[in-house]
Amino acid sequence: MQIPWQQLDPQTLDAIIESFVLREGTDYGDEEKSLAEKVADVHAQLRSGEAILVWSELHETVNIMPRDDFGDE
């Protein structure tokens, strides 16, 4: 189920994004980005609609994923 990020408290959203960024282990190429830069990137992706927040009822977890990867359930 998709969660509208705009309805979350800003501190809660920041905590979700930070947790996501820290667990992903994404390779940023030759230039390493700071945690703040990574969090800002995810914020921008949510604002643009590129990424969405998704609640998994099965796992009882929130995840961030590309909109294109989210299938209709």
Protein backbone atom coordinates (compact mmCIF):
# COMPACT_ATOMS: atom_id res chain seq x y z
CA MET A 1 0.00 0.00 0.00
CA GLN A 2 1.37 3.41 -0.97
CA ILE A 3 1.79 6.01 1.79
CA PRO A 4 1.45 9.70 0.88
CA TRP A 5 4.74 11.13 2.16
CA GLN A 6 3.17 14.60 2.42
CA GLN A 7 0.94 13.37 5.26
CA LEU A 8 3.84 12.29 7.47
CA ASP A 9 5.38 14.45 10.15
CA PRO A 10 8.62 15.88 8.69
CA GLN A 11 10.73 14.31 11.46
CA THR A 12 9.15 10.91 10.83
CA LEU A 13 9.79 11.21 7.11
CA ASP A 14 13.41 12.20 7.75
CA ALA A 15 13.87 9.17 10.02
CA ILE A 16 12.39 6.81 7.40
CA ILE A 17 14.60 8.26 4.66
CA GLU A 18 17.72 8.16 6.82
CA SER A 19 17.06 4.54 7.76
CA PHE A 20 16.53 3.68 4.09
CA VAL A 21 19.74 5.42 3.00
CA LEU A 22 21.81 3.73 5.71
CA ARG A 23 20.58 0.23 4.87
CA GLU A 24 20.75 0.46 1.10
CA GLY A 25 24.54 0.46 0.67
CA THR A 26 24.22 2.17 -2.70
CA ASP A 27 27.36 2.79 -4.74
CA TYR A 28 27.71 6.46 -5.63
CA GLY A 29 30.68 6.03 -7.96
CA ASP A 30 33.92 7.94 -7.60
CA GLU A 31 32.45 10.70 -5.45
CA GLU A 32 31.16 9.71 -2.03
CA LYS A 33 28.09 11.61 -0.83
CA SER A 34 27.40 12.62 2.75
CA LEU A 35 24.40 11.27 4.62
CA ALA A 36 22.72 14.69 4.34
CA GLU A 37 23.23 14.70 0.56
CA LYS A 38 21.80 11.20 0.22
CA VAL A 39 18.76 12.13 2.35
CA ALA A 40 18.25 15.28 0.25
CA ASP A 41 18.41 13.18 -2.93
CA VAL A 42 15.67 10.84 -1.66
CA HIS A 43 13.54 13.82 -0.57
CA ALA A 44 13.84 15.21 -4.10
CA GLN A 45 12.86 11.85 -5.61
CA LEU A 46 9.77 11.70 -3.39
CA ARG A 47 8.78 15.28 -4.26
CA SER A 48 9.17 14.62 -7.99
CA GLY A 49 7.19 11.38 -7.80
CA GLU A 50 10.17 9.33 -8.94
CA ALA A 51 10.10 7.40 -5.64
CA ILE A 52 7.25 6.46 -3.32
CA LEU A 53 6.77 5.21 0.23
CA VAL A 54 5.26 1.74 0.45
CA TRP A 55 3.85 -0.10 3.48
CA SER A 56 4.24 -3.87 3.46
CA GLU A 57 1.42 -5.48 5.44
CA LEU A 58 3.19 -8.83 5.24
CA HIS A 59 6.45 -7.54 6.77
CA GLU A 60 4.95 -4.58 8.64
CA THR A 61 7.65 -2.30 7.24
CA VAL A 62 7.91 0.93 5.26
CA ASN A 63 10.15 1.02 2.22
CA ILE A 64 11.08 3.55 -0.43
CA MET A 65 11.04 2.34 -3.99
CA PRO A 66 11.02 3.67 -7.54
CA ARG A 67 7.47 4.42 -8.69
CA ASP A 68 8.07 2.29 -11.81
CA ASP A 69 8.76 -0.76 -9.62
CA PHE A 70 5.50 -0.46 -7.69
CA GLY A 71 2.88 -2.75 -9.19
CA ASP A 72 -0.82 -2.29 -8.63
CA GLU A 73 -1.95 -4.53 -5.81
